[in-house]
């Protein structure tokens, strides 16, 4: 049975994979790459790298949102 930390890590990988797929389908290249990198370290359970990569996902996500907001 997984520990609570293992469950959170698995959930993070699932969410990251969802973001990765959506970003790929919509050609958001930076967001796709950042989320793919994050999913990779989560799946490998390299938790020490996850925080920095999560920051990259956040940055890329904000860029996408700003770009879409500018379409008005």
C-alpha atoms as a PDB file:
ATOM      1  CA  UNK A   1       0.000   0.000   0.000  1.00  0.00           C
ATOM      2  CA  UNK A   2       1.232   3.500  -0.835  1.00  0.00           C
ATOM      3  CA  UNK A   3       2.002   6.075   1.781  1.00  0.00           C
ATOM      4  CA  UNK A   4       0.176   9.415   1.684  1.00  0.00           C
ATOM      5  CA  UNK A   5       3.239  10.897   0.027  1.00  0.00           C
ATOM      6  CA  UNK A   6       3.133   8.196  -2.641  1.00  0.00           C
ATOM      7  CA  UNK A   7      -0.543   8.887  -3.302  1.00  0.00           C
ATOM      8  CA  UNK A   8       0.128  12.618  -3.666  1.00  0.00           C
ATOM      9  CA  UNK A   9       3.027  11.914  -5.987  1.00  0.00           C
ATOM     10  CA  UNK A  10       0.872   9.634  -8.156  1.00  0.00           C
ATOM     11  CA  UNK A  11      -1.905  12.244  -8.245  1.00  0.00           C
ATOM     12  CA  UNK A  12       0.609  14.889  -9.295  1.00  0.00           C
ATOM     13  CA  UNK A  13       1.772  12.653 -12.112  1.00  0.00           C
ATOM     14  CA  UNK A  14      -1.797  12.172 -13.295  1.00  0.00           C
ATOM     15  CA  UNK A  15      -2.520  15.907 -13.289  1.00  0.00           C
ATOM     16  CA  UNK A  16       0.790  16.610 -14.981  1.00  0.00           C
ATOM     17  CA  UNK A  17       0.044  14.039 -17.670  1.00  0.00           C
ATOM     18  CA  UNK A  18      -3.349  15.658 -18.274  1.00  0.00           C
ATOM     19  CA  UNK A  19      -1.741  19.100 -18.674  1.00  0.00           C
ATOM     20  CA  UNK A  20       0.924  17.562 -20.898  1.00  0.00           C
ATOM     21  CA  UNK A  21      -1.704  16.033 -23.195  1.00  0.00           C
ATOM     22  CA  UNK A  22      -3.813  19.172 -23.465  1.00  0.00           C
ATOM     23  CA  UNK A  23      -0.746  21.322 -24.110  1.00  0.00           C
ATOM     24  CA  UNK A  24       0.413  18.934 -26.853  1.00  0.00           C
ATOM     25  CA  UNK A  25      -3.006  18.895 -28.515  1.00  0.00           C
ATOM     26  CA  UNK A  26      -3.168  22.694 -28.525  1.00  0.00           C
ATOM     27  CA  UNK A  27       0.501  23.145 -29.571  1.00  0.00           C
ATOM     28  CA  UNK A  28       1.496  25.021 -26.410  1.00  0.00           C
ATOM     29  CA  UNK A  29       5.096  23.898 -26.813  1.00  0.00           C
ATOM     30  CA  UNK A  30       6.639  25.433 -23.672  1.00  0.00           C
ATOM     31  CA  UNK A  31       3.812  24.193 -21.461  1.00  0.00           C
ATOM     32  CA  UNK A  32       3.997  20.755 -23.044  1.00  0.00           C
ATOM     33  CA  UNK A  33       7.743  20.440 -22.493  1.00  0.00           C
ATOM     34  CA  UNK A  34       7.622  21.757 -18.927  1.00  0.00           C
ATOM     35  CA  UNK A  35       4.794  19.400 -17.969  1.00  0.00           C
ATOM     36  CA  UNK A  36       6.434  16.449 -19.739  1.00  0.00           C
ATOM     37  CA  UNK A  37       9.615  17.054 -17.746  1.00  0.00           C
ATOM     38  CA  UNK A  38       7.619  17.260 -14.511  1.00  0.00           C
ATOM     39  CA  UNK A  39       5.706  14.050 -15.246  1.00  0.00           C
ATOM     40  CA  UNK A  40       8.963  12.288 -16.001  1.00  0.00           C
ATOM     41  CA  UNK A  41      10.548  13.127 -12.636  1.00  0.00           C
ATOM     42  CA  UNK A  42       7.330  12.299 -10.779  1.00  0.00           C
ATOM     43  CA  UNK A  43       7.136   8.901 -12.446  1.00  0.00           C
ATOM     44  CA  UNK A  44      10.780   8.286 -11.547  1.00  0.00           C
ATOM     45  CA  UNK A  45      10.015   9.496  -7.993  1.00  0.00           C
ATOM     46  CA  UNK A  46      12.793  12.085  -8.190  1.00  0.00           C
ATOM     47  CA  UNK A  47      10.928  14.392  -5.831  1.00  0.00           C
ATOM     48  CA  UNK A  48      13.892  16.696  -5.248  1.00  0.00           C
ATOM     49  CA  UNK A  49      13.588  17.891  -8.861  1.00  0.00           C
ATOM     50  CA  UNK A  50       9.807  18.299  -8.871  1.00  0.00           C
ATOM     51  CA  UNK A  51       9.580  21.710  -7.166  1.00  0.00           C
ATOM     52  CA  UNK A  52      11.807  23.429  -9.691  1.00  0.00           C
ATOM     53  CA  UNK A  53      10.014  21.828 -12.603  1.00  0.00           C
ATOM     54  CA  UNK A  54       6.624  22.726 -11.151  1.00  0.00           C
ATOM     55  CA  UNK A  55       7.756  26.366 -11.177  1.00  0.00           C
ATOM     56  CA  UNK A  56       8.529  25.979 -14.885  1.00  0.00           C
ATOM     57  CA  UNK A  57       5.039  24.562 -15.516  1.00  0.00           C
ATOM     58  CA  UNK A  58       3.510  27.509 -13.656  1.00  0.00           C
ATOM     59  CA  UNK A  59       5.555  29.995 -15.693  1.00  0.00           C
ATOM     60  CA  UNK A  60       4.619  28.367 -19.010  1.00  0.00           C
ATOM     61  CA  UNK A  61       0.949  28.178 -17.961  1.00  0.00           C
ATOM     62  CA  UNK A  62       0.917  31.890 -17.125  1.00  0.00           C
ATOM     63  CA  UNK A  63       2.406  32.669 -20.547  1.00  0.00           C
ATOM     64  CA  UNK A  64      -0.379  30.671 -22.232  1.00  0.00           C
ATOM     65  CA  UNK A  65      -3.081  32.419 -20.191  1.00  0.00           C
ATOM     66  CA  UNK A  66      -1.597  35.856 -20.959  1.00  0.00           C
ATOM     67  CA  UNK A  67      -1.444  35.010 -24.644  1.00  0.00           C
ATOM     68  CA  UNK A  68      -5.045  33.859 -24.729  1.00  0.00           C
ATOM     69  CA  UNK A  69      -6.164  36.906 -22.730  1.00  0.00           C
ATOM     70  CA  UNK A  70      -4.526  39.129 -25.336  1.00  0.00           C
ATOM     71  CA  UNK A  71      -6.785  37.741 -28.075  1.00  0.00           C
ATOM     72  CA  UNK A  72      -9.734  39.921 -26.989  1.00  0.00           C
END
